[in-house]
Amino acid sequence: MLLQKIIDEIKEIPESRQEELYRLVQEFRHRDETVEPYNTPEEEIIEGIREGMRQALAGEVIPLEEMWEDIDVD
């Protein structure tokens, strides 16, 4: 049984790496729940572009120097 093989492998993982494994399993489990950009319906994409243009024309913009604030890039 495949599940038992997975469980047996997990038992061999050092405790120091268990948190990392847990996050990986969560990420894997929830991966199918996220919408991939290439699966976005055309109408939704077009509406997003229209909304962006409306915001830009109305002056609802973020200054470029503020755009990357609070974004942690390693």
N, C-alpha and C. Protein backbone atom coordinates (compact mmCIF):
# COMPACT_ATOMS: atom_id res chain seq x y z
N MET A 1 0.85 -1.18 0.00
CA MET A 1 0.00 0.00 0.00
C MET A 1 0.89 1.24 0.00
N LEU A 2 0.59 2.18 -0.88
CA LEU A 2 1.42 3.37 -1.05
C LEU A 2 1.43 4.25 0.20
N LEU A 3 0.30 4.42 0.83
CA LEU A 3 0.25 5.25 2.03
C LEU A 3 1.18 4.71 3.11
N GLN A 4 1.24 3.43 3.28
CA GLN A 4 2.13 2.84 4.28
C GLN A 4 3.59 3.11 3.93
N LYS A 5 3.94 3.07 2.65
CA LYS A 5 5.31 3.37 2.22
C LYS A 5 5.66 4.82 2.57
N ILE A 6 4.70 5.72 2.35
CA ILE A 6 4.93 7.13 2.68
C ILE A 6 5.13 7.29 4.18
N ILE A 7 4.28 6.66 4.95
CA ILE A 7 4.39 6.73 6.42
C ILE A 7 5.74 6.18 6.88
N ASP A 8 6.17 5.07 6.31
CA ASP A 8 7.46 4.48 6.68
C ASP A 8 8.60 5.45 6.37
N GLU A 9 8.53 6.13 5.24
CA GLU A 9 9.57 7.10 4.88
C GLU A 9 9.56 8.27 5.85
N ILE A 10 8.39 8.75 6.20
CA ILE A 10 8.26 9.88 7.11
C ILE A 10 8.88 9.55 8.47
N LYS A 11 8.71 8.33 8.92
CA LYS A 11 9.26 7.91 10.22
C LYS A 11 10.78 8.01 10.23
N GLU A 12 11.41 7.98 9.08
CA GLU A 12 12.87 8.04 8.98
C GLU A 12 13.41 9.47 8.90
N ILE A 13 12.53 10.44 8.80
CA ILE A 13 12.96 11.84 8.68
C ILE A 13 13.33 12.36 10.07
N PRO A 14 14.51 12.98 10.19
CA PRO A 14 14.94 13.52 11.48
C PRO A 14 13.96 14.57 12.01
N GLU A 15 13.83 14.63 13.30
CA GLU A 15 12.90 15.58 13.93
C GLU A 15 13.20 17.01 13.52
N SER A 16 14.46 17.32 13.30
CA SER A 16 14.85 18.68 12.93
C SER A 16 14.30 19.10 11.57
N ARG A 17 13.86 18.16 10.76
CA ARG A 17 13.33 18.48 9.42
C ARG A 17 11.82 18.29 9.33
N GLN A 18 11.18 17.91 10.42
CA GLN A 18 9.74 17.61 10.38
C GLN A 18 8.90 18.85 10.07
N GLU A 19 9.27 20.00 10.60
CA GLU A 19 8.51 21.23 10.34
C GLU A 19 8.56 21.56 8.84
N GLU A 20 9.71 21.41 8.26
CA GLU A 20 9.88 21.65 6.83
C GLU A 20 9.00 20.69 6.01
N LEU A 21 8.98 19.44 6.40
CA LEU A 21 8.15 18.45 5.73
C LEU A 21 6.67 18.80 5.87
N TYR A 22 6.28 19.22 7.05
CA TYR A 22 4.88 19.58 7.29
C TYR A 22 4.46 20.72 6.36
N ARG A 23 5.30 21.75 6.24
CA ARG A 23 4.98 22.87 5.34
C ARG A 23 4.90 22.40 3.90
N LEU A 24 5.78 21.52 3.51
CA LEU A 24 5.79 20.99 2.15
C LEU A 24 4.50 20.22 1.86
N VAL A 25 4.08 19.40 2.80
CA VAL A 25 2.85 18.63 2.63
C VAL A 25 1.66 19.56 2.53
N GLN A 26 1.59 20.59 3.37
CA GLN A 26 0.50 21.55 3.30
C GLN A 26 0.48 22.26 1.96
N GLU A 27 1.64 22.70 1.51
CA GLU A 27 1.75 23.38 0.23
C GLU A 27 1.28 22.48 -0.90
N PHE A 28 1.71 21.24 -0.88
CA PHE A 28 1.32 20.28 -1.91
C PHE A 28 -0.18 20.04 -1.89
N ARG A 29 -0.74 19.89 -0.70
CA ARG A 29 -2.17 19.61 -0.56
C ARG A 29 -3.03 20.76 -1.06
N HIS A 30 -2.58 21.99 -0.84
CA HIS A 30 -3.38 23.15 -1.22
C HIS A 30 -3.06 23.67 -2.62
N ARG A 31 -2.08 23.09 -3.27
CA ARG A 31 -1.64 23.56 -4.58
C ARG A 31 -2.78 23.55 -5.58
N ASP A 32 -3.60 22.52 -5.60
CA ASP A 32 -4.69 22.43 -6.56
C ASP A 32 -5.80 23.43 -6.30
N GLU A 33 -5.82 24.02 -5.11
CA GLU A 33 -6.86 24.98 -4.77
C GLU A 33 -6.55 26.37 -5.29
N THR A 34 -5.32 26.61 -5.72
CA THR A 34 -4.96 27.93 -6.22
C THR A 34 -5.25 28.00 -7.71
N VAL A 35 -5.57 29.17 -8.18
CA VAL A 35 -5.86 29.37 -9.60
C VAL A 35 -4.56 29.75 -10.30
N GLU A 36 -4.21 28.97 -11.28
CA GLU A 36 -3.03 29.27 -12.07
C GLU A 36 -3.38 30.38 -13.06
N PRO A 37 -2.45 31.31 -13.32
CA PRO A 37 -2.76 32.43 -14.22
C PRO A 37 -3.25 31.98 -15.60
N TYR A 38 -2.71 30.89 -16.11
CA TYR A 38 -3.11 30.43 -17.44
C TYR A 38 -4.48 29.77 -17.44
N ASN A 39 -5.08 29.58 -16.26
CA ASN A 39 -6.42 29.02 -16.18
C ASN A 39 -7.48 30.10 -15.96
N THR A 40 -7.04 31.37 -15.91
CA THR A 40 -7.96 32.47 -15.67
C THR A 40 -8.78 32.71 -16.93
N PRO A 41 -10.11 32.77 -16.79
CA PRO A 41 -10.96 33.01 -17.97
C PRO A 41 -10.63 34.35 -18.63
N GLU A 42 -10.73 34.38 -19.96
CA GLU A 42 -10.43 35.59 -20.72
C GLU A 42 -11.20 36.80 -20.23
N GLU A 43 -12.48 36.59 -19.93
CA GLU A 43 -13.32 37.71 -19.48
C GLU A 43 -12.77 38.33 -18.20
N GLU A 44 -12.27 37.48 -17.31
CA GLU A 44 -11.71 37.97 -16.04
C GLU A 44 -10.43 38.76 -16.29
N ILE A 45 -9.62 38.29 -17.21
CA ILE A 45 -8.38 38.98 -17.56
C ILE A 45 -8.70 40.35 -18.14
N ILE A 46 -9.63 40.38 -19.09
CA ILE A 46 -10.02 41.64 -19.73
C ILE A 46 -10.60 42.61 -18.70
N GLU A 47 -11.43 42.12 -17.81
CA GLU A 47 -12.00 42.97 -16.77
C GLU A 47 -10.90 43.53 -15.86
N GLY A 48 -9.90 42.72 -15.54
CA GLY A 48 -8.78 43.19 -14.73
C GLY A 48 -8.00 44.29 -15.43
N ILE A 49 -7.81 44.15 -16.72
CA ILE A 49 -7.11 45.18 -17.50
C ILE A 49 -7.94 46.46 -17.52
N ARG A 50 -9.22 46.34 -17.74
CA ARG A 50 -10.11 47.51 -17.73
C ARG A 50 -10.07 48.23 -16.38
N GLU A 51 -10.12 47.45 -15.29
CA GLU A 51 -10.09 48.05 -13.96
C GLU A 51 -8.76 48.74 -13.72
N GLY A 52 -7.68 48.14 -14.15
CA GLY A 52 -6.36 48.76 -14.02
C GLY A 52 -6.27 50.07 -14.79
N MET A 53 -6.81 50.08 -15.98
CA MET A 53 -6.82 51.31 -16.79
C MET A 53 -7.69 52.38 -16.12
N ARG A 54 -8.84 51.98 -15.59
CA ARG A 54 -9.73 52.93 -14.92
C ARG A 54 -9.01 53.56 -13.73
N GLN A 55 -8.32 52.72 -12.95
CA GLN A 55 -7.59 53.22 -11.79
C GLN A 55 -6.46 54.16 -12.21
N ALA A 56 -5.75 53.79 -13.25
CA ALA A 56 -4.64 54.63 -13.72
C ALA A 56 -5.16 55.98 -14.20
N LEU A 57 -6.22 55.98 -14.98
CA LEU A 57 -6.78 57.23 -15.51
C LEU A 57 -7.37 58.10 -14.40
N ALA A 58 -7.83 57.48 -13.32
CA ALA A 58 -8.39 58.22 -12.19
C ALA A 58 -7.30 58.67 -11.22
N GLY A 59 -6.06 58.31 -11.51
CA GLY A 59 -4.95 58.71 -10.64
C GLY A 59 -4.80 57.83 -9.41
N GLU A 60 -5.47 56.70 -9.41
CA GLU A 60 -5.39 55.76 -8.28
C GLU A 60 -4.18 54.86 -8.49
N VAL A 61 -3.01 55.43 -8.25
CA VAL A 61 -1.78 54.70 -8.50
C VAL A 61 -0.90 54.70 -7.26
N ILE A 62 0.06 53.80 -7.23
CA ILE A 62 1.05 53.74 -6.15
C ILE A 62 2.35 54.30 -6.72
N PRO A 63 2.93 55.31 -6.07
CA PRO A 63 4.20 55.83 -6.56
C PRO A 63 5.24 54.72 -6.66
N LEU A 64 6.02 54.75 -7.70
CA LEU A 64 7.00 53.70 -7.96
C LEU A 64 7.93 53.46 -6.77
N GLU A 65 8.34 54.53 -6.10
CA GLU A 65 9.26 54.37 -4.97
C GLU A 65 8.61 53.67 -3.78
N GLU A 66 7.29 53.61 -3.74
CA GLU A 66 6.57 52.93 -2.65
C GLU A 66 6.14 51.51 -3.04
N MET A 67 6.23 51.19 -4.30
CA MET A 67 5.68 49.93 -4.80
C MET A 67 6.29 48.69 -4.13
N TRP A 68 7.58 48.73 -3.81
CA TRP A 68 8.25 47.56 -3.27
C TRP A 68 8.43 47.62 -1.76
N GLU A 69 7.86 48.65 -1.11
CA GLU A 69 7.97 48.74 0.34
C GLU A 69 7.33 47.52 1.00
N ASP A 70 7.91 47.07 2.08
CA ASP A 70 7.39 45.95 2.88
C ASP A 70 7.41 44.61 2.15
N ILE A 71 8.12 44.54 1.04
CA ILE A 71 8.25 43.26 0.34
C ILE A 71 9.66 42.75 0.63
N ASP A 72 9.72 41.59 1.27
CA ASP A 72 10.99 41.01 1.66
C ASP A 72 11.49 40.11 0.54
N VAL A 73 12.56 40.53 -0.12
CA VAL A 73 13.13 39.74 -1.20
C VAL A 73 14.48 39.21 -0.74
N ASP A 74 14.61 37.90 -0.79
CA ASP A 74 15.87 37.28 -0.35
C ASP A 74 16.86 37.24 -1.47
